[in-house]
Amino acid sequence: MQKIIKTIGVLVNIIIINTLLLNTAVAELPVPKGILVWTEKDAPSLVLKDLDGQVYDIRQSKGKWVFMHFWASWCGPCRKELPLIDAIVPLFKDSRMDIILVNTSEDEDTVFSFLGDVAPELTTLMDSDGKVTANWKPRGLPSTYLVSPDGKLAYVVLGGRAWNQPVYLKFLQGLMKTR
């Protein structure tokens, strides 16, 4: 019995140490300009369909980082940023990060036409009535949330970023080595 208790104690200590090390790794990861450390509260729910009618539920991404990007075609910074996101999507295919886009309050024809011109490889979820976006409470568009593998809001990015630049790529790749 003492061996079992001692083994359980050792396992608990290992879990605590690993958790502290992983959380420290996130805390020590250099955060580029424009990315704000967030509150670590639970990410709001999100269940939406894409242009092809496929349903995405954020719970599908549990265990992965989620790059949750809210945008609209009328948004100038979004127009500049989407081709840059389009450029990085292949870098994160089959990785510990899901890149998810959410179009806010536009119809399918507008979104389909816009993406065809600006970022033809991107797929977006459709928040046609804006209710899901309102639940996430972005301060404007574009807004990107980085959700940790355990479903917590870890970072927020307000406004557009040059995601294909080394400083941002290194940060995103660094996140995947944590938690």
Protein backbone atom coordinates (compact mmCIF):
# COMPACT_ATOMS: atom_id res chain seq x y z
CA MET A 1 0.00 0.00 0.00
CA GLN A 2 2.86 2.37 0.85
CA LYS A 3 4.40 1.74 -2.59
CA ILE A 4 1.11 2.71 -4.27
CA ILE A 5 0.82 5.90 -2.19
CA LYS A 6 4.46 6.78 -2.91
CA THR A 7 3.96 6.14 -6.66
CA ILE A 8 0.83 8.31 -6.70
CA GLY A 9 2.74 11.06 -4.88
CA VAL A 10 5.55 10.93 -7.44
CA LEU A 11 3.05 11.05 -10.34
CA VAL A 12 1.24 14.04 -8.80
CA ASN A 13 4.57 15.86 -8.41
CA ILE A 14 5.48 15.14 -12.04
CA ILE A 15 2.12 16.47 -13.22
CA ILE A 16 2.48 19.63 -11.12
CA ILE A 17 6.04 20.26 -12.32
CA ASN A 18 5.10 19.70 -15.98
CA THR A 19 2.12 22.03 -15.65
CA LEU A 20 4.29 24.74 -14.10
CA LEU A 21 6.95 24.32 -16.78
CA LEU A 22 4.43 24.50 -19.62
CA ASN A 23 2.71 27.57 -18.18
CA THR A 24 6.09 29.18 -17.63
CA ALA A 25 7.01 28.43 -21.25
CA VAL A 26 3.93 30.38 -22.42
CA ALA A 27 4.72 33.21 -20.02
CA GLU A 28 8.34 33.38 -21.26
CA LEU A 29 7.45 33.22 -24.96
CA PRO A 30 8.32 36.64 -26.41
CA VAL A 31 5.04 38.28 -27.43
CA PRO A 32 5.28 40.40 -30.59
CA LYS A 33 3.93 43.93 -30.78
CA GLY A 34 0.16 44.01 -31.13
CA ILE A 35 -0.50 40.67 -29.42
CA LEU A 36 -2.00 41.11 -25.97
CA VAL A 37 -1.85 38.51 -23.22
CA TRP A 38 -5.46 37.80 -22.34
CA THR A 39 -7.32 36.74 -19.24
CA GLU A 40 -7.14 32.95 -19.58
CA LYS A 41 -10.91 32.61 -19.20
CA ASP A 42 -12.86 29.99 -21.13
CA ALA A 43 -13.33 30.75 -24.81
CA PRO A 44 -16.96 31.39 -25.74
CA SER A 45 -18.77 28.63 -27.56
CA LEU A 46 -18.64 28.67 -31.33
CA VAL A 47 -20.61 26.45 -33.69
CA LEU A 48 -20.96 27.71 -37.27
CA LYS A 49 -21.15 26.44 -40.84
CA ASP A 50 -18.72 27.27 -43.60
CA LEU A 51 -19.64 28.21 -47.19
CA ASP A 52 -20.02 24.51 -48.05
CA GLY A 53 -22.38 23.85 -45.14
CA GLN A 54 -19.79 21.96 -43.07
CA VAL A 55 -20.24 22.53 -39.34
CA TYR A 56 -17.31 23.52 -37.14
CA ASP A 57 -17.53 23.42 -33.35
CA ILE A 58 -14.59 24.89 -31.43
CA ARG A 59 -14.71 21.82 -29.18
CA GLN A 60 -13.32 19.87 -32.19
CA SER A 61 -10.04 21.68 -31.64
CA LYS A 62 -9.57 20.69 -28.00
CA GLY A 63 -5.93 19.78 -27.51
CA LYS A 64 -4.80 22.25 -30.20
CA TRP A 65 -4.19 25.96 -30.32
CA VAL A 66 -6.91 27.82 -32.22
CA PHE A 67 -6.19 30.94 -34.27
CA MET A 68 -9.74 32.38 -34.32
CA HIS A 69 -9.92 35.28 -36.76
CA PHE A 70 -13.01 37.54 -37.12
CA TRP A 71 -13.24 39.57 -40.34
CA ALA A 72 -15.52 41.23 -42.93
CA SER A 73 -15.03 42.14 -46.60
CA TRP A 74 -15.81 45.83 -46.01
CA CYS A 75 -12.95 46.09 -43.46
CA GLY A 76 -9.82 47.68 -44.98
CA PRO A 77 -7.30 46.01 -42.63
CA CYS A 78 -9.07 42.66 -43.20
CA ARG A 79 -8.55 43.06 -46.95
CA LYS A 80 -4.80 43.45 -46.38
CA GLU A 81 -4.52 40.74 -43.76
CA LEU A 82 -6.44 37.85 -45.34
CA PRO A 83 -3.85 37.19 -48.11
CA LEU A 84 -1.19 37.03 -45.37
CA ILE A 85 -3.23 34.49 -43.42
CA ASP A 86 -3.79 32.60 -46.67
CA ALA A 87 0.01 32.42 -47.05
CA ILE A 88 0.56 30.83 -43.61
CA VAL A 89 -2.26 28.28 -43.64
CA PRO A 90 -0.11 25.62 -45.40
CA LEU A 91 2.60 26.07 -42.75
CA PHE A 92 0.18 24.96 -40.02
CA LYS A 93 -1.54 22.13 -41.85
CA ASP A 94 -1.45 18.96 -39.73
CA SER A 95 -0.03 20.89 -36.76
CA ARG A 96 -1.16 21.63 -33.22
CA MET A 97 -2.90 24.80 -34.45
CA ASP A 98 -6.21 25.20 -36.25
CA ILE A 99 -6.62 28.42 -38.22
CA ILE A 100 -10.30 29.34 -38.20
CA LEU A 101 -11.84 32.35 -39.91
CA VAL A 102 -15.24 33.79 -39.07
CA ASN A 103 -16.96 36.20 -41.42
CA THR A 104 -19.17 38.61 -39.54
CA SER A 105 -22.66 39.55 -40.72
CA GLU A 106 -22.29 39.18 -44.48
CA ASP A 107 -24.11 37.04 -47.01
CA GLU A 108 -22.56 34.04 -48.76
CA ASP A 109 -22.41 35.67 -52.22
CA THR A 110 -20.43 38.64 -50.89
CA VAL A 111 -18.01 36.41 -48.98
CA PHE A 112 -17.56 33.90 -51.81
CA SER A 113 -16.84 36.64 -54.34
CA PHE A 114 -14.48 38.48 -52.00
CA LEU A 115 -12.44 35.42 -51.03
CA GLY A 116 -12.20 34.37 -54.67
CA ASP A 117 -10.40 37.63 -55.41
CA VAL A 118 -8.34 38.10 -52.25
CA ALA A 119 -7.58 34.70 -50.69
CA PRO A 120 -8.98 31.87 -52.83
CA GLU A 121 -7.57 29.06 -50.68
CA LEU A 122 -9.21 30.23 -47.46
CA THR A 123 -12.37 28.77 -46.04
CA THR A 124 -14.45 30.78 -43.62
CA LEU A 125 -17.23 30.15 -41.19
CA MET A 126 -20.35 32.24 -41.68
CA ASP A 127 -21.75 34.24 -38.77
CA SER A 128 -24.51 35.72 -40.92
CA ASP A 129 -26.48 37.24 -38.06
CA GLY A 130 -23.42 38.34 -36.06
CA LYS A 131 -24.57 36.63 -32.85
CA VAL A 132 -21.48 34.45 -32.41
CA THR A 133 -19.20 37.43 -33.05
CA ALA A 134 -21.13 39.47 -30.49
CA ASN A 135 -20.60 36.66 -27.97
CA TRP A 136 -16.81 36.84 -28.51
CA LYS A 137 -16.93 40.66 -28.11
CA PRO A 138 -14.17 41.83 -30.46
CA ARG A 139 -13.44 45.55 -30.15
CA GLY A 140 -13.39 45.86 -33.92
CA LEU A 141 -12.38 44.01 -37.05
CA PRO A 142 -10.16 42.29 -37.70
CA SER A 143 -9.73 40.62 -34.33
CA THR A 144 -7.84 37.41 -33.70
CA TYR A 145 -8.06 35.30 -30.57
CA LEU A 146 -5.51 32.64 -29.73
CA VAL A 147 -7.24 29.91 -27.76
CA SER A 148 -5.08 27.48 -25.81
CA PRO A 149 -5.39 23.71 -26.17
CA ASP A 150 -7.42 23.62 -22.94
CA GLY A 151 -9.99 26.06 -24.38
CA LYS A 152 -8.84 29.25 -22.65
CA LEU A 153 -8.53 32.68 -24.26
CA ALA A 154 -4.77 33.22 -24.04
CA TYR A 155 -4.08 36.13 -26.43
CA VAL A 156 -6.01 38.71 -28.42
CA VAL A 157 -4.86 40.63 -31.46
CA LEU A 158 -6.75 43.79 -32.40
CA GLY A 159 -6.28 45.02 -35.95
CA GLY A 160 -4.35 43.48 -38.81
CA ARG A 161 -0.94 41.83 -38.55
CA ALA A 162 1.62 40.67 -41.07
CA TRP A 163 1.22 37.03 -39.98
CA ASN A 164 3.69 35.84 -42.62
CA GLN A 165 6.55 37.83 -41.05
CA PRO A 166 9.16 35.90 -39.03
CA VAL A 167 8.31 37.53 -35.68
CA TYR A 168 4.68 36.37 -35.85
CA LEU A 169 5.46 32.98 -37.37
CA LYS A 170 8.02 32.30 -34.65
CA PHE A 171 5.47 33.25 -31.99
CA LEU A 172 2.75 31.00 -33.45
CA GLN A 173 5.18 28.10 -33.83
CA GLY A 174 6.40 28.69 -30.26
CA LEU A 175 2.84 28.38 -28.96
CA MET A 176 2.59 24.88 -30.38
CA LYS A 177 5.55 23.82 -28.22
CA THR A 178 3.67 24.78 -25.06
CA ARG A 179 0.85 23.17 -23.13
